[in-house]
PDB file of all heavy atoms in Angstrom:
ATOM      1  N   HIS A   1      95.886  82.790 116.063  1.00  0.00           N
ATOM      2  CA  HIS A   1      94.545  82.479 116.566  1.00  0.00           C
ATOM      3  C   HIS A   1      93.921  83.767 117.098  1.00  0.00           C
ATOM      4  O   HIS A   1      94.444  84.381 118.012  1.00  0.00           O
ATOM      5  CB  HIS A   1      94.686  81.410 117.669  1.00  0.00           C
ATOM      6  CG  HIS A   1      93.431  81.142 118.434  1.00  0.00           C
ATOM      7  ND1 HIS A   1      93.437  80.492 119.656  1.00  0.00           N
ATOM      8  CD2 HIS A   1      92.120  81.423 118.183  1.00  0.00           C
ATOM      9  CE1 HIS A   1      92.208  80.391 120.104  1.00  0.00           C
ATOM     10  NE2 HIS A   1      91.387  80.954 119.238  1.00  0.00           N
ATOM     11  N   SER A   2      92.796  84.154 116.508  1.00  0.00           N
ATOM     12  CA  SER A   2      92.115  85.375 116.917  1.00  0.00           C
ATOM     13  C   SER A   2      90.607  85.137 116.927  1.00  0.00           C
ATOM     14  O   SER A   2      90.114  84.165 116.343  1.00  0.00           O
ATOM     15  CB  SER A   2      92.467  86.532 115.969  1.00  0.00           C
ATOM     16  OG  SER A   2      91.835  87.737 116.360  1.00  0.00           O
ATOM     17  N   ALA A   3      89.873  86.041 117.588  1.00  0.00           N
ATOM     18  CA  ALA A   3      88.415  85.905 117.684  1.00  0.00           C
ATOM     19  C   ALA A   3      87.821  87.205 118.200  1.00  0.00           C
ATOM     20  O   ALA A   3      88.529  88.095 118.678  1.00  0.00           O
ATOM     21  CB  ALA A   3      88.033  84.746 118.604  1.00  0.00           C
ATOM     22  N   ASP A   4      86.487  87.290 118.096  1.00  0.00           N
ATOM     23  CA  ASP A   4      85.713  88.340 118.771  1.00  0.00           C
ATOM     24  C   ASP A   4      86.132  89.759 118.385  1.00  0.00           C
ATOM     25  O   ASP A   4      86.354  90.612 119.237  1.00  0.00           O
ATOM     26  CB  ASP A   4      85.800  88.151 120.292  1.00  0.00           C
ATOM     27  CG  ASP A   4      85.216  86.824 120.722  1.00  0.00           C
ATOM     28  OD1 ASP A   4      83.981  86.676 120.642  1.00  0.00           O
ATOM     29  OD2 ASP A   4      85.980  85.925 121.114  1.00  0.00           O
ATOM     30  N   TRP A   5      86.160  90.012 117.074  1.00  0.00           N
ATOM     31  CA  TRP A   5      86.471  91.365 116.606  1.00  0.00           C
ATOM     32  C   TRP A   5      85.279  92.294 116.821  1.00  0.00           C
ATOM     33  O   TRP A   5      85.471  93.473 117.072  1.00  0.00           O
ATOM     34  CB  TRP A   5      86.811  91.328 115.116  1.00  0.00           C
ATOM     35  CG  TRP A   5      88.030  90.524 114.779  1.00  0.00           C
ATOM     36  CD1 TRP A   5      88.854  89.863 115.645  1.00  0.00           C
ATOM     37  CD2 TRP A   5      88.550  90.282 113.462  1.00  0.00           C
ATOM     38  NE1 TRP A   5      89.863  89.222 114.960  1.00  0.00           N
ATOM     39  CE2 TRP A   5      89.698  89.466 113.620  1.00  0.00           C
ATOM     40  CE3 TRP A   5      88.148  90.659 112.189  1.00  0.00           C
ATOM     41  CZ2 TRP A   5      90.454  89.039 112.528  1.00  0.00           C
ATOM     42  CZ3 TRP A   5      88.894  90.238 111.103  1.00  0.00           C
ATOM     43  CH2 TRP A   5      90.045  89.429 111.268  1.00  0.00           C
ATOM     44  N   HIS A   6      84.069  91.797 116.651  1.00  0.00           N
ATOM     45  CA  HIS A   6      82.834  92.558 116.862  1.00  0.00           C
ATOM     46  C   HIS A   6      82.795  93.853 116.049  1.00  0.00           C
ATOM     47  O   HIS A   6      82.496  94.936 116.561  1.00  0.00           O
ATOM     48  CB  HIS A   6      82.622  92.843 118.344  1.00  0.00           C
ATOM     49  CG  HIS A   6      82.200  91.626 119.111  1.00  0.00           C
ATOM     50  ND1 HIS A   6      80.902  91.198 119.169  1.00  0.00           N
ATOM     51  CD2 HIS A   6      82.935  90.721 119.817  1.00  0.00           C
ATOM     52  CE1 HIS A   6      80.833  90.083 119.898  1.00  0.00           C
ATOM     53  NE2 HIS A   6      82.049  89.761 120.295  1.00  0.00           N
ATOM     54  N   LEU A   7      83.118  93.723 114.766  1.00  0.00           N
ATOM     55  CA  LEU A   7      83.006  94.871 113.873  1.00  0.00           C
ATOM     56  C   LEU A   7      81.549  95.318 113.780  1.00  0.00           C
ATOM     57  O   LEU A   7      80.632  94.503 113.837  1.00  0.00           O
ATOM     58  CB  LEU A   7      83.533  94.511 112.481  1.00  0.00           C
ATOM     59  CG  LEU A   7      84.977  93.968 112.425  1.00  0.00           C
ATOM     60  CD1 LEU A   7      85.385  93.732 110.976  1.00  0.00           C
ATOM     61  CD2 LEU A   7      85.947  94.900 113.113  1.00  0.00           C
ATOM     62  N   ASP A   8      81.356  96.622 113.635  1.00  0.00           N
ATOM     63  CA  ASP A   8      80.021  97.239 113.590  1.00  0.00           C
ATOM     64  C   ASP A   8      79.307  97.178 114.939  1.00  0.00           C
ATOM     65  O   ASP A   8      78.077  97.240 115.008  1.00  0.00           O
ATOM     66  CB  ASP A   8      79.140  96.613 112.504  1.00  0.00           C
ATOM     67  CG  ASP A   8      79.699  96.843 111.109  1.00  0.00           C
ATOM     68  OD1 ASP A   8      80.154  97.968 110.844  1.00  0.00           O
ATOM     69  OD2 ASP A   8      79.704  95.901 110.301  1.00  0.00           O
ATOM     70  N   SER A   9      80.067  97.066 115.994  1.00  0.00           N
ATOM     71  CA  SER A   9      79.481  97.098 117.331  1.00  0.00           C
ATOM     72  C   SER A   9      78.803  98.439 117.574  1.00  0.00           C
ATOM     73  O   SER A   9      79.295  99.486 117.148  1.00  0.00           O
ATOM     74  CB  SER A   9      80.578  96.892 118.382  1.00  0.00           C
ATOM     75  OG  SER A   9      80.086  97.065 119.687  1.00  0.00           O
ATOM     76  N   PRO A  10      77.654  98.479 118.278  1.00  0.00           N
ATOM     77  CA  PRO A  10      76.948  99.751 118.505  1.00  0.00           C
ATOM     78  C   PRO A  10      77.662 100.683 119.474  1.00  0.00           C
ATOM     79  O   PRO A  10      77.378 101.872 119.509  1.00  0.00           O
ATOM     80  CB  PRO A  10      75.607  99.296 119.083  1.00  0.00           C
ATOM     81  CG  PRO A  10      75.859  97.944 119.647  1.00  0.00           C
ATOM     82  CD  PRO A  10      76.890  97.313 118.760  1.00  0.00           C
ATOM     83  N   LEU A  11      78.589 100.154 120.295  1.00  0.00           N
ATOM     84  CA  LEU A  11      79.394 100.995 121.198  1.00  0.00           C
ATOM     85  C   LEU A  11      78.509 101.858 122.091  1.00  0.00           C
ATOM     86  O   LEU A  11      78.662 103.078 122.178  1.00  0.00           O
ATOM     87  CB  LEU A  11      80.359 101.866 120.393  1.00  0.00           C
ATOM     88  CG  LEU A  11      81.345 101.074 119.508  1.00  0.00           C
ATOM     89  CD1 LEU A  11      82.082 102.007 118.572  1.00  0.00           C
ATOM     90  CD2 LEU A  11      82.316 100.275 120.353  1.00  0.00           C
ATOM     91  N   VAL A  12      77.597 101.214 122.772  1.00  0.00           N
ATOM     92  CA  VAL A  12      76.677 101.901 123.681  1.00  0.00           C
ATOM     93  C   VAL A  12      77.451 102.492 124.858  1.00  0.00           C
ATOM     94  O   VAL A  12      78.368 101.888 125.390  1.00  0.00           O
ATOM     95  CB  VAL A  12      75.603 100.916 124.191  1.00  0.00           C
ATOM     96  CG1 VAL A  12      74.695 101.590 125.210  1.00  0.00           C
ATOM     97  CG2 VAL A  12      74.795 100.367 123.028  1.00  0.00           C
ATOM     98  N   GLY A  13      77.059 103.709 125.263  1.00  0.00           N
ATOM     99  CA  GLY A  13      77.655 104.328 126.434  1.00  0.00           C
ATOM    100  C   GLY A  13      78.805 105.264 126.149  1.00  0.00           C
ATOM    101  O   GLY A  13      79.316 105.921 127.054  1.00  0.00           O
ATOM    102  N   ARG A  14      79.212 105.376 124.915  1.00  0.00           N
ATOM    103  CA  ARG A  14      80.290 106.298 124.542  1.00  0.00           C
ATOM    104  C   ARG A  14      79.677 107.532 123.881  1.00  0.00           C
ATOM    105  O   ARG A  14      78.636 107.438 123.222  1.00  0.00           O
ATOM    106  CB  ARG A  14      81.251 105.629 123.544  1.00  0.00           C
ATOM    107  CG  ARG A  14      81.721 104.229 123.953  1.00  0.00           C
ATOM    108  CD  ARG A  14      83.022 104.275 124.715  1.00  0.00           C
ATOM    109  NE  ARG A  14      82.920 104.844 126.025  1.00  0.00           N
ATOM    110  CZ  ARG A  14      82.489 104.151 127.092  1.00  0.00           C
ATOM    111  NH1 ARG A  14      82.084 102.921 126.978  1.00  0.00           N
ATOM    112  NH2 ARG A  14      82.455 104.717 128.284  1.00  0.00           N
ATOM    113  N   ASN A  15      80.337 108.688 124.028  1.00  0.00           N
ATOM    114  CA  ASN A  15      79.848 109.848 123.298  1.00  0.00           C
ATOM    115  C   ASN A  15      80.170 109.688 121.815  1.00  0.00           C
ATOM    116  O   ASN A  15      80.957 108.817 121.429  1.00  0.00           O
ATOM    117  CB  ASN A  15      80.419 111.150 123.873  1.00  0.00           C
ATOM    118  CG  ASN A  15      81.933 111.239 123.731  1.00  0.00           C
ATOM    119  OD1 ASN A  15      82.500 110.914 122.685  1.00  0.00           O
ATOM    120  ND2 ASN A  15      82.598 111.698 124.782  1.00  0.00           N
ATOM    121  N   GLU A  16      79.568 110.513 120.971  1.00  0.00           N
ATOM    122  CA  GLU A  16      79.668 110.310 119.539  1.00  0.00           C
ATOM    123  C   GLU A  16      81.107 110.402 119.039  1.00  0.00           C
ATOM    124  O   GLU A  16      81.531 109.614 118.182  1.00  0.00           O
ATOM    125  CB  GLU A  16      78.791 111.318 118.796  1.00  0.00           C
ATOM    126  CG  GLU A  16      78.725 111.089 117.289  1.00  0.00           C
ATOM    127  CD  GLU A  16      78.247 109.693 116.906  1.00  0.00           C
ATOM    128  OE1 GLU A  16      77.438 109.117 117.656  1.00  0.00           O
ATOM    129  OE2 GLU A  16      78.679 109.191 115.855  1.00  0.00           O
ATOM    130  N   GLU A  17      81.868 111.351 119.580  1.00  0.00           N
ATOM    131  CA  GLU A  17      83.269 111.493 119.145  1.00  0.00           C
ATOM    132  C   GLU A  17      84.063 110.232 119.463  1.00  0.00           C
ATOM    133  O   GLU A  17      84.808 109.720 118.619  1.00  0.00           O
ATOM    134  CB  GLU A  17      83.909 112.694 119.834  1.00  0.00           C
ATOM    135  CG  GLU A  17      85.381 112.883 119.471  1.00  0.00           C
ATOM    136  CD  GLU A  17      86.054 113.954 120.315  1.00  0.00           C
ATOM    137  OE1 GLU A  17      85.348 114.653 121.081  1.00  0.00           O
ATOM    138  OE2 GLU A  17      87.289 114.075 120.231  1.00  0.00           O
ATOM    139  N   HIS A  18      83.896 109.733 120.674  1.00  0.00           N
ATOM    140  CA  HIS A  18      84.630 108.527 121.064  1.00  0.00           C
ATOM    141  C   HIS A  18      84.147 107.319 120.278  1.00  0.00           C
ATOM    142  O   HIS A  18      84.945 106.466 119.856  1.00  0.00           O
ATOM    143  CB  HIS A  18      84.472 108.288 122.570  1.00  0.00           C
ATOM    144  CG  HIS A  18      85.499 107.359 123.138  1.00  0.00           C
ATOM    145  ND1 HIS A  18      85.423 106.830 124.406  1.00  0.00           N
ATOM    146  CD2 HIS A  18      86.638 106.851 122.602  1.00  0.00           C
ATOM    147  CE1 HIS A  18      86.464 106.052 124.631  1.00  0.00           C
ATOM    148  NE2 HIS A  18      87.213 106.040 123.561  1.00  0.00           N
ATOM    149  N   SER A  19      82.837 107.225 120.046  1.00  0.00           N
ATOM    150  CA  SER A  19      82.291 106.106 119.277  1.00  0.00           C
ATOM    151  C   SER A  19      82.866 106.078 117.869  1.00  0.00           C
ATOM    152  O   SER A  19      83.233 105.010 117.351  1.00  0.00           O
ATOM    153  CB  SER A  19      80.762 106.198 119.222  1.00  0.00           C
ATOM    154  OG  SER A  19      80.195 106.005 120.490  1.00  0.00           O
ATOM    155  N   GLN A  20      82.954 107.241 117.231  1.00  0.00           N
ATOM    156  CA  GLN A  20      83.504 107.297 115.880  1.00  0.00           C
ATOM    157  C   GLN A  20      84.967 106.867 115.865  1.00  0.00           C
ATOM    158  O   GLN A  20      85.406 106.145 114.956  1.00  0.00           O
ATOM    159  CB  GLN A  20      83.357 108.712 115.320  1.00  0.00           C
ATOM    160  CG  GLN A  20      81.931 109.098 114.986  1.00  0.00           C
ATOM    161  CD  GLN A  20      81.839 110.493 114.396  1.00  0.00           C
ATOM    162  OE1 GLN A  20      82.846 111.152 114.156  1.00  0.00           O
ATOM    163  NE2 GLN A  20      80.611 110.943 114.153  1.00  0.00           N
ATOM    164  N   TYR A  21      85.710 107.314 116.860  1.00  0.00           N
ATOM    165  CA  TYR A  21      87.121 106.911 116.953  1.00  0.00           C
ATOM    166  C   TYR A  21      87.240 105.401 117.121  1.00  0.00           C
ATOM    167  O   TYR A  21      88.054 104.740 116.453  1.00  0.00           O
ATOM    168  CB  TYR A  21      87.799 107.629 118.122  1.00  0.00           C
ATOM    169  CG  TYR A  21      89.180 107.087 118.427  1.00  0.00           C
ATOM    170  CD1 TYR A  21      90.254 107.372 117.594  1.00  0.00           C
ATOM    171  CD2 TYR A  21      89.397 106.272 119.540  1.00  0.00           C
ATOM    172  CE1 TYR A  21      91.515 106.863 117.853  1.00  0.00           C
ATOM    173  CE2 TYR A  21      90.653 105.761 119.807  1.00  0.00           C
ATOM    174  CZ  TYR A  21      91.708 106.052 118.972  1.00  0.00           C
ATOM    175  OH  TYR A  21      92.944 105.545 119.236  1.00  0.00           O
ATOM    176  N   LEU A  22      86.435 104.814 118.004  1.00  0.00           N
ATOM    177  CA  LEU A  22      86.495 103.375 118.242  1.00  0.00           C
ATOM    178  C   LEU A  22      86.069 102.585 117.009  1.00  0.00           C
ATOM    179  O   LEU A  22      86.646 101.527 116.711  1.00  0.00           O
ATOM    180  CB  LEU A  22      85.618 103.009 119.435  1.00  0.00           C
ATOM    181  CG  LEU A  22      86.092 103.535 120.797  1.00  0.00           C
ATOM    182  CD1 LEU A  22      85.055 103.245 121.874  1.00  0.00           C
ATOM    183  CD2 LEU A  22      87.433 102.929 121.185  1.00  0.00           C
ATOM    184  N   ARG A  23      85.081 103.092 116.275  1.00  0.00           N
ATOM    185  CA  ARG A  23      84.664 102.400 115.044  1.00  0.00           C
ATOM    186  C   ARG A  23      85.818 102.365 114.042  1.00  0.00           C
ATOM    187  O   ARG A  23      86.046 101.343 113.378  1.00  0.00           O
ATOM    188  CB  ARG A  23      83.459 103.106 114.418  1.00  0.00           C
ATOM    189  CG  ARG A  23      82.159 102.920 115.199  1.00  0.00           C
ATOM    190  CD  ARG A  23      80.957 103.436 114.429  1.00  0.00           C
ATOM    191  NE  ARG A  23      79.762 103.434 115.279  1.00  0.00           N
ATOM    192  CZ  ARG A  23      79.281 104.507 115.897  1.00  0.00           C
ATOM    193  NH1 ARG A  23      79.878 105.686 115.747  1.00  0.00           N
ATOM    194  NH2 ARG A  23      78.209 104.410 116.651  1.00  0.00           N
ATOM    195  N   ARG A  24      86.527 103.475 113.926  1.00  0.00           N
ATOM    196  CA  ARG A  24      87.688 103.504 113.019  1.00  0.00           C
ATOM    197  C   ARG A  24      88.754 102.520 113.480  1.00  0.00           C
ATOM    198  O   ARG A  24      89.386 101.838 112.663  1.00  0.00           O
ATOM    199  CB  ARG A  24      88.259 104.922 112.934  1.00  0.00           C
ATOM    200  CG  ARG A  24      87.342 105.940 112.254  1.00  0.00           C
ATOM    201  CD  ARG A  24      88.098 107.219 111.906  1.00  0.00           C
ATOM    202  NE  ARG A  24      88.629 107.878 113.093  1.00  0.00           N
ATOM    203  CZ  ARG A  24      87.973 108.786 113.806  1.00  0.00           C
ATOM    204  NH1 ARG A  24      86.740 109.131 113.467  1.00  0.00           N
ATOM    205  NH2 ARG A  24      88.530 109.361 114.856  1.00  0.00           N
ATOM    206  N   GLN A  25      88.969 102.457 114.787  1.00  0.00           N
ATOM    207  CA  GLN A  25      89.950 101.521 115.327  1.00  0.00           C
ATOM    208  C   GLN A  25      89.545 100.074 115.069  1.00  0.00           C
ATOM    209  O   GLN A  25      90.382  99.240 114.694  1.00  0.00           O
ATOM    210  CB  GLN A  25      90.107 101.753 116.830  1.00  0.00           C
ATOM    211  CG  GLN A  25      90.926 102.981 117.194  1.00  0.00           C
ATOM    212  CD  GLN A  25      92.411 102.752 116.956  1.00  0.00           C
ATOM    213  OE1 GLN A  25      93.026 101.928 117.620  1.00  0.00           O
ATOM    214  NE2 GLN A  25      92.961 103.457 115.991  1.00  0.00           N
ATOM    215  N   LEU A  26      88.262  99.761 115.252  1.00  0.00           N
ATOM    216  CA  LEU A  26      87.796  98.395 114.998  1.00  0.00           C
ATOM    217  C   LEU A  26      88.050  97.990 113.547  1.00  0.00           C
ATOM    218  O   LEU A  26      88.437  96.845 113.267  1.00  0.00           O
ATOM    219  CB  LEU A  26      86.302  98.285 115.314  1.00  0.00           C
ATOM    220  CG  LEU A  26      85.906  98.198 116.791  1.00  0.00           C
ATOM    221  CD1 LEU A  26      84.394  98.338 116.947  1.00  0.00           C
ATOM    222  CD2 LEU A  26      86.383  96.900 117.418  1.00  0.00           C
ATOM    223  N   LEU A  27      87.864  98.926 112.630  1.00  0.00           N
ATOM    224  CA  LEU A  27      88.041  98.608 111.216  1.00  0.00           C
ATOM    225  C   LEU A  27      89.502  98.356 110.844  1.00  0.00           C
ATOM    226  O   LEU A  27      89.783  97.820 109.771  1.00  0.00           O
ATOM    227  CB  LEU A  27      87.478  99.736 110.345  1.00  0.00           C
ATOM    228  CG  LEU A  27      85.951  99.774 110.225  1.00  0.00           C
ATOM    229  CD1 LEU A  27      85.501 101.047 109.522  1.00  0.00           C
ATOM    230  CD2 LEU A  27      85.438  98.541 109.488  1.00  0.00           C
ATOM    231  N   THR A  28      90.438  98.730 111.720  1.00  0.00           N
ATOM    232  CA  THR A  28      91.862  98.457 111.449  1.00  0.00           C
ATOM    233  C   THR A  28      92.268  97.054 111.890  1.00  0.00           C
ATOM    234  O   THR A  28      93.364  96.598 111.540  1.00  0.00           O
ATOM    235  CB  THR A  28      92.768  99.472 112.162  1.00  0.00           C
ATOM    236  OG1 THR A  28      92.721  99.269 113.594  1.00  0.00           O
ATOM    237  CG2 THR A  28      92.376 100.899 111.837  1.00  0.00           C
ATOM    238  N   ILE A  29      91.404  96.368 112.641  1.00  0.00           N
ATOM    239  CA  ILE A  29      91.785  95.065 113.190  1.00  0.00           C
ATOM    240  C   ILE A  29      92.110  94.045 112.099  1.00  0.00           C
ATOM    241  O   ILE A  29      93.133  93.340 112.198  1.00  0.00           O
ATOM    242  CB  ILE A  29      90.687  94.547 114.142  1.00  0.00           C
ATOM    243  CG1 ILE A  29      90.694  95.369 115.431  1.00  0.00           C
ATOM    244  CG2 ILE A  29      90.884  93.067 114.454  1.00  0.00           C
ATOM    245  CD1 ILE A  29      89.574  95.028 116.385  1.00  0.00           C
ATOM    246  N   PRO A  30      91.286  93.887 111.040  1.00  0.00           N
ATOM    247  CA  PRO A  30      91.635  92.876 110.027  1.00  0.00           C
ATOM    248  C   PRO A  30      93.035  93.057 109.449  1.00  0.00           C
ATOM    249  O   PRO A  30      93.787  92.079 109.329  1.00  0.00           O
ATOM    250  CB  PRO A  30      90.552  93.081 108.958  1.00  0.00           C
ATOM    251  CG  PRO A  30      89.387  93.652 109.711  1.00  0.00           C
ATOM    252  CD  PRO A  30      89.990  94.537 110.746  1.00  0.00           C
ATOM    253  N   GLU A  31      93.394  94.287 109.117  1.00  0.00           N
ATOM    254  CA  GLU A  31      94.719  94.509 108.545  1.00  0.00           C
ATOM    255  C   GLU A  31      95.818  94.321 109.586  1.00  0.00           C
ATOM    256  O   GLU A  31      96.904  93.817 109.267  1.00  0.00           O
ATOM    257  CB  GLU A  31      94.815  95.908 107.938  1.00  0.00           C
ATOM    258  CG  GLU A  31      96.182  96.225 107.320  1.00  0.00           C
ATOM    259  CD  GLU A  31      96.673  95.153 106.357  1.00  0.00           C
ATOM    260  OE1 GLU A  31      95.862  94.618 105.577  1.00  0.00           O
ATOM    261  OE2 GLU A  31      97.886  94.830 106.396  1.00  0.00           O
ATOM    262  N   ARG A  32      95.558  94.695 110.833  1.00  0.00           N
ATOM    263  CA  ARG A  32      96.547  94.456 111.899  1.00  0.00           C
ATOM    264  C   ARG A  32      96.810  92.955 112.066  1.00  0.00           C
ATOM    265  O   ARG A  32      97.957  92.530 112.239  1.00  0.00           O
ATOM    266  CB  ARG A  32      96.051  95.037 113.221  1.00  0.00           C
ATOM    267  CG  ARG A  32      96.019  96.555 113.291  1.00  0.00           C
ATOM    268  CD  ARG A  32      95.395  96.999 114.614  1.00  0.00           C
ATOM    269  NE  ARG A  32      95.139  98.419 114.683  1.00  0.00           N
ATOM    270  CZ  ARG A  32      95.992  99.318 115.154  1.00  0.00           C
ATOM    271  NH1 ARG A  32      97.162  98.931 115.620  1.00  0.00           N
ATOM    272  NH2 ARG A  32      95.674 100.602 115.194  1.00  0.00           N
ATOM    273  N   ILE A  33      95.735  92.164 112.027  1.00  0.00           N
ATOM    274  CA  ILE A  33      95.873  90.714 112.157  1.00  0.00           C
ATOM    275  C   ILE A  33      96.653  90.154 110.971  1.00  0.00           C
ATOM    276  O   ILE A  33      97.548  89.322 111.124  1.00  0.00           O
ATOM    277  CB  ILE A  33      94.491  90.044 112.252  1.00  0.00           C
ATOM    278  CG1 ILE A  33      93.733  90.525 113.502  1.00  0.00           C
ATOM    279  CG2 ILE A  33      94.628  88.528 112.242  1.00  0.00           C
ATOM    280  CD1 ILE A  33      94.319  90.108 114.806  1.00  0.00           C
ATOM    281  N   ALA A  34      96.304  90.605 109.758  1.00  0.00           N
ATOM    282  CA  ALA A  34      97.004  90.126 108.563  1.00  0.00           C
ATOM    283  C   ALA A  34      98.482  90.496 108.610  1.00  0.00           C
ATOM    284  O   ALA A  34      99.351  89.680 108.270  1.00  0.00           O
ATOM    285  CB  ALA A  34      96.345  90.705 107.314  1.00  0.00           C
TER     286      ALA A  34
END
């Protein structure tokens, strides 16, 4: 049971380097769940 992945989140308040890292991490969630 999973929920609230929020892929493509705008990640407001993070600097660009951190935002890019978090976006990459978010995109790994589907495969981690599988």
